[in-house]
């Protein structure tokens, strides 16, 4: 289990370029764009700490780096931050909002 988590923390993600994201005051709305059409049934809304996580996903920060930012900014414990972050990233990946990428520095 520890090795699996360690591997998860070393992953890098980037946003799906075929998504349009719009930031509102307390949420981010993700709209999948396909051949000049928005797939309305696939709209995804992010709230709370998820907004900051979305902002931090850039292909340059790995999950560990994002976790550290979340711990500092939201004053949450390391274990809770890690569990919630990995669960959130897996959901974004499942929905096609992000994908794992190789870091250019490797």
C-alpha atoms as a PDB file:
ATOM      1  CA  UNK A   1       0.000   0.000   0.000  1.00  0.00           C
ATOM      2  CA  UNK A   2       2.810   2.432   0.869  1.00  0.00           C
ATOM      3  CA  UNK A   3       4.548   1.864  -2.478  1.00  0.00           C
ATOM      4  CA  UNK A   4       1.282   2.412  -4.375  1.00  0.00           C
ATOM      5  CA  UNK A   5       0.743   5.750  -2.615  1.00  0.00           C
ATOM      6  CA  UNK A   6       4.361   6.754  -3.253  1.00  0.00           C
ATOM      7  CA  UNK A   7       3.866   6.037  -6.953  1.00  0.00           C
ATOM      8  CA  UNK A   8       0.648   8.078  -6.959  1.00  0.00           C
ATOM      9  CA  UNK A   9       2.467  11.047  -5.414  1.00  0.00           C
ATOM     10  CA  UNK A  10       5.079  11.043  -8.176  1.00  0.00           C
ATOM     11  CA  UNK A  11       2.549  11.323 -11.009  1.00  0.00           C
ATOM     12  CA  UNK A  12       2.162  14.472 -13.096  1.00  0.00           C
ATOM     13  CA  UNK A  13      -1.170  15.484 -14.622  1.00  0.00           C
ATOM     14  CA  UNK A  14      -2.272  18.016 -17.168  1.00  0.00           C
ATOM     15  CA  UNK A  15      -5.707  19.326 -18.043  1.00  0.00           C
ATOM     16  CA  UNK A  16      -7.541  17.997 -21.057  1.00  0.00           C
ATOM     17  CA  UNK A  17      -7.104  20.682 -23.760  1.00  0.00           C
ATOM     18  CA  UNK A  18     -10.555  19.901 -25.173  1.00  0.00           C
ATOM     19  CA  UNK A  19     -12.175  21.233 -21.992  1.00  0.00           C
ATOM     20  CA  UNK A  20     -13.356  24.756 -21.560  1.00  0.00           C
ATOM     21  CA  UNK A  21     -13.131  25.830 -17.926  1.00  0.00           C
ATOM     22  CA  UNK A  22     -14.848  28.869 -16.503  1.00  0.00           C
ATOM     23  CA  UNK A  23     -14.047  30.126 -13.013  1.00  0.00           C
ATOM     24  CA  UNK A  24     -16.872  31.688 -11.076  1.00  0.00           C
ATOM     25  CA  UNK A  25     -16.723  33.060  -7.552  1.00  0.00           C
ATOM     26  CA  UNK A  26     -17.090  29.724  -5.746  1.00  0.00           C
ATOM     27  CA  UNK A  27     -16.893  27.093  -8.479  1.00  0.00           C
ATOM     28  CA  UNK A  28     -15.208  26.027 -11.683  1.00  0.00           C
ATOM     29  CA  UNK A  29     -17.377  24.706 -14.483  1.00  0.00           C
ATOM     30  CA  UNK A  30     -15.752  22.295 -16.936  1.00  0.00           C
ATOM     31  CA  UNK A  31     -17.343  22.008 -20.364  1.00  0.00           C
ATOM     32  CA  UNK A  32     -16.134  19.317 -22.779  1.00  0.00           C
ATOM     33  CA  UNK A  33     -15.920  20.739 -26.300  1.00  0.00           C
ATOM     34  CA  UNK A  34     -16.388  18.370 -29.216  1.00  0.00           C
ATOM     35  CA  UNK A  35     -16.521  19.540 -32.826  1.00  0.00           C
ATOM     36  CA  UNK A  36     -17.755  23.030 -31.941  1.00  0.00           C
ATOM     37  CA  UNK A  37     -20.408  21.667 -29.600  1.00  0.00           C
ATOM     38  CA  UNK A  38     -20.585  21.490 -25.850  1.00  0.00           C
ATOM     39  CA  UNK A  39     -21.566  18.088 -24.482  1.00  0.00           C
ATOM     40  CA  UNK A  40     -24.028  19.368 -21.895  1.00  0.00           C
ATOM     41  CA  UNK A  41     -24.494  15.964 -20.279  1.00  0.00           C
ATOM     42  CA  UNK A  42     -20.771  15.949 -19.426  1.00  0.00           C
ATOM     43  CA  UNK A  43     -20.590  19.285 -17.570  1.00  0.00           C
ATOM     44  CA  UNK A  44     -18.576  18.937 -14.368  1.00  0.00           C
ATOM     45  CA  UNK A  45     -18.595  21.475 -11.518  1.00  0.00           C
ATOM     46  CA  UNK A  46     -15.709  21.799  -9.057  1.00  0.00           C
ATOM     47  CA  UNK A  47     -16.122  23.524  -5.697  1.00  0.00           C
ATOM     48  CA  UNK A  48     -14.168  24.038  -2.488  1.00  0.00           C
ATOM     49  CA  UNK A  49     -10.529  22.968  -2.381  1.00  0.00           C
ATOM     50  CA  UNK A  50     -11.053  21.313  -5.764  1.00  0.00           C
ATOM     51  CA  UNK A  51     -10.879  24.765  -7.343  1.00  0.00           C
ATOM     52  CA  UNK A  52      -7.347  25.278  -6.047  1.00  0.00           C
ATOM     53  CA  UNK A  53      -6.326  21.766  -7.066  1.00  0.00           C
ATOM     54  CA  UNK A  54      -7.634  22.456 -10.585  1.00  0.00           C
ATOM     55  CA  UNK A  55      -5.527  25.621 -10.714  1.00  0.00           C
ATOM     56  CA  UNK A  56      -2.419  23.688  -9.637  1.00  0.00           C
ATOM     57  CA  UNK A  57      -2.736  20.951 -12.275  1.00  0.00           C
ATOM     58  CA  UNK A  58      -0.263  22.120 -14.898  1.00  0.00           C
ATOM     59  CA  UNK A  59       1.884  19.152 -15.899  1.00  0.00           C
ATOM     60  CA  UNK A  60       4.804  20.710 -14.000  1.00  0.00           C
ATOM     61  CA  UNK A  61       3.775  19.851 -10.445  1.00  0.00           C
ATOM     62  CA  UNK A  62       3.494  16.258  -9.328  1.00  0.00           C
ATOM     63  CA  UNK A  63       0.837  15.096  -6.884  1.00  0.00           C
ATOM     64  CA  UNK A  64       3.234  15.497  -3.949  1.00  0.00           C
ATOM     65  CA  UNK A  65       3.838  19.161  -4.819  1.00  0.00           C
ATOM     66  CA  UNK A  66       0.108  19.805  -5.122  1.00  0.00           C
ATOM     67  CA  UNK A  67      -0.463  18.054  -1.797  1.00  0.00           C
ATOM     68  CA  UNK A  68       2.079  20.320  -0.075  1.00  0.00           C
ATOM     69  CA  UNK A  69       0.335  23.422  -1.462  1.00  0.00           C
ATOM     70  CA  UNK A  70      -3.049  22.162  -0.253  1.00  0.00           C
ATOM     71  CA  UNK A  71      -1.713  21.378   3.237  1.00  0.00           C
ATOM     72  CA  UNK A  72      -0.226  24.852   3.535  1.00  0.00           C
ATOM     73  CA  UNK A  73      -3.150  26.802   2.088  1.00  0.00           C
ATOM     74  CA  UNK A  74      -5.996  24.892   3.761  1.00  0.00           C
ATOM     75  CA  UNK A  75      -4.230  23.917   6.998  1.00  0.00           C
ATOM     76  CA  UNK A  76      -5.239  20.272   6.656  1.00  0.00           C
ATOM     77  CA  UNK A  77      -3.352  17.209   7.826  1.00  0.00           C
ATOM     78  CA  UNK A  78      -1.033  15.382   5.457  1.00  0.00           C
ATOM     79  CA  UNK A  79      -2.909  12.072   5.453  1.00  0.00           C
ATOM     80  CA  UNK A  80      -6.319  13.667   4.871  1.00  0.00           C
ATOM     81  CA  UNK A  81      -4.931  15.953   2.156  1.00  0.00           C
ATOM     82  CA  UNK A  82      -3.299  13.021   0.391  1.00  0.00           C
ATOM     83  CA  UNK A  83      -6.354  10.767   0.517  1.00  0.00           C
ATOM     84  CA  UNK A  84      -8.725  13.480  -0.691  1.00  0.00           C
ATOM     85  CA  UNK A  85      -6.329  14.716  -3.378  1.00  0.00           C
ATOM     86  CA  UNK A  86      -5.730  11.263  -4.860  1.00  0.00           C
ATOM     87  CA  UNK A  87      -9.455  10.488  -4.811  1.00  0.00           C
ATOM     88  CA  UNK A  88     -10.241  13.816  -6.523  1.00  0.00           C
ATOM     89  CA  UNK A  89      -7.543  13.338  -9.174  1.00  0.00           C
ATOM     90  CA  UNK A  90      -8.791   9.821  -9.914  1.00  0.00           C
ATOM     91  CA  UNK A  91     -12.306  11.204 -10.403  1.00  0.00           C
ATOM     92  CA  UNK A  92     -11.023  13.917 -12.753  1.00  0.00           C
ATOM     93  CA  UNK A  93      -9.038  11.314 -14.678  1.00  0.00           C
ATOM     94  CA  UNK A  94     -12.030   8.955 -14.888  1.00  0.00           C
ATOM     95  CA  UNK A  95     -14.160  11.777 -16.320  1.00  0.00           C
ATOM     96  CA  UNK A  96     -11.465  12.631 -18.871  1.00  0.00           C
ATOM     97  CA  UNK A  97     -10.741  16.060 -17.382  1.00  0.00           C
ATOM     98  CA  UNK A  98      -7.038  15.335 -16.813  1.00  0.00           C
ATOM     99  CA  UNK A  99      -4.471  12.836 -17.998  1.00  0.00           C
ATOM    100  CA  UNK A 100      -1.201  11.606 -16.614  1.00  0.00           C
ATOM    101  CA  UNK A 101       1.853  12.976 -18.407  1.00  0.00           C
ATOM    102  CA  UNK A 102       5.579  12.496 -18.225  1.00  0.00           C
ATOM    103  CA  UNK A 103       7.351  15.430 -16.676  1.00  0.00           C
ATOM    104  CA  UNK A 104       9.620  17.250 -19.100  1.00  0.00           C
ATOM    105  CA  UNK A 105      12.393  17.417 -16.474  1.00  0.00           C
ATOM    106  CA  UNK A 106      12.701  13.617 -16.296  1.00  0.00           C
END
